[in-house]
Amino acid sequence: MARTRQFTDPPLSSREVAVLLDLGPDEVNELARRGELPAFKQGRFWRFRRADVLRLKDAFGLATPLLALSA
């Protein structure tokens, strides 16, 4: 019986997501807290799946429309 291996990217920090979305880490955390950016807590820190962040970035093109929605 063959075993399949699943490769998953390690979760991203708020700082890493901030670079991808051209936002500040505090803005990223606020979007996660509001549920507008898919995230989970690892201890007291927000963590993000790269696929979720890139999907959101592609959906909006840039981070600016995302900020307009959260206002």
Protein backbone atom coordinates (compact mmCIF):
# COMPACT_ATOMS: atom_id res chain seq x y z
CA MET A 1 0.00 0.00 0.00
CA ALA A 2 1.50 3.33 -1.05
CA ARG A 3 1.50 6.23 1.32
CA THR A 4 0.94 9.71 0.01
CA ARG A 5 2.70 12.65 1.52
CA GLN A 6 0.98 15.95 1.88
CA PHE A 7 3.21 18.96 1.71
CA THR A 8 1.88 21.98 3.47
CA ASP A 9 3.47 25.36 3.77
CA PRO A 10 4.25 26.48 7.30
CA PRO A 11 1.77 29.08 8.54
CA LEU A 12 2.65 32.72 7.90
CA SER A 13 3.02 35.37 10.57
CA SER A 14 1.28 38.75 10.50
CA ARG A 15 4.51 40.36 9.34
CA GLU A 16 4.86 37.97 6.41
CA VAL A 17 1.25 38.54 5.37
CA ALA A 18 1.73 42.30 5.72
CA VAL A 19 4.54 42.14 3.16
CA LEU A 20 2.41 40.11 0.74
CA LEU A 21 -0.57 42.47 1.04
CA ASP A 22 1.40 45.70 1.39
CA LEU A 23 -0.20 46.44 4.77
CA GLY A 24 1.04 46.90 8.29
CA PRO A 25 1.07 43.91 10.69
CA ASP A 26 -1.49 45.62 12.93
CA GLU A 27 -3.86 46.01 9.96
CA VAL A 28 -3.43 42.32 9.13
CA ASN A 29 -4.25 41.36 12.73
CA GLU A 30 -7.33 43.58 12.70
CA LEU A 31 -8.59 41.99 9.49
CA ALA A 32 -8.07 38.56 11.04
CA ARG A 33 -9.88 39.59 14.22
CA ARG A 34 -12.84 40.81 12.17
CA GLY A 35 -12.93 37.57 10.20
CA GLU A 36 -12.19 39.33 6.90
CA LEU A 37 -8.89 37.51 6.46
CA PRO A 38 -8.89 33.74 7.12
CA ALA A 39 -6.62 33.03 10.08
CA PHE A 40 -6.18 30.94 13.20
CA LYS A 41 -4.56 31.51 16.55
CA GLN A 42 -1.34 29.74 17.46
CA GLY A 43 -0.91 30.62 21.09
CA ARG A 44 -1.47 34.35 21.22
CA PHE A 45 -0.38 35.00 17.64
CA TRP A 46 -2.43 35.04 14.45
CA ARG A 47 -1.26 32.62 11.77
CA PHE A 48 -2.29 32.49 8.13
CA ARG A 49 -2.27 29.90 5.36
CA ARG A 50 -0.35 31.13 2.32
CA ALA A 51 -3.01 29.76 -0.05
CA ASP A 52 -5.75 31.76 1.72
CA VAL A 53 -3.72 34.98 1.62
CA LEU A 54 -2.80 34.60 -2.05
CA ARG A 55 -6.40 33.71 -2.97
CA LEU A 56 -7.63 36.85 -1.24
CA LYS A 57 -4.94 38.96 -2.87
CA ASP A 58 -5.88 37.61 -6.31
CA ALA A 59 -9.59 38.19 -5.68
CA PHE A 60 -9.04 41.87 -4.92
CA GLY A 61 -6.01 42.47 -7.12
CA LEU A 62 -4.41 44.71 -4.49
CA ALA A 63 -4.86 45.19 -0.76
CA THR A 64 -6.56 48.59 -1.16
CA PRO A 65 -10.06 47.28 -1.95
CA LEU A 66 -9.82 45.02 1.10
CA LEU A 67 -9.19 48.02 3.33
CA ALA A 68 -12.13 49.85 1.78
CA LEU A 69 -14.40 46.95 2.69
CA SER A 70 -13.31 46.94 6.31
CA ALA A 71 -13.95 50.66 6.86
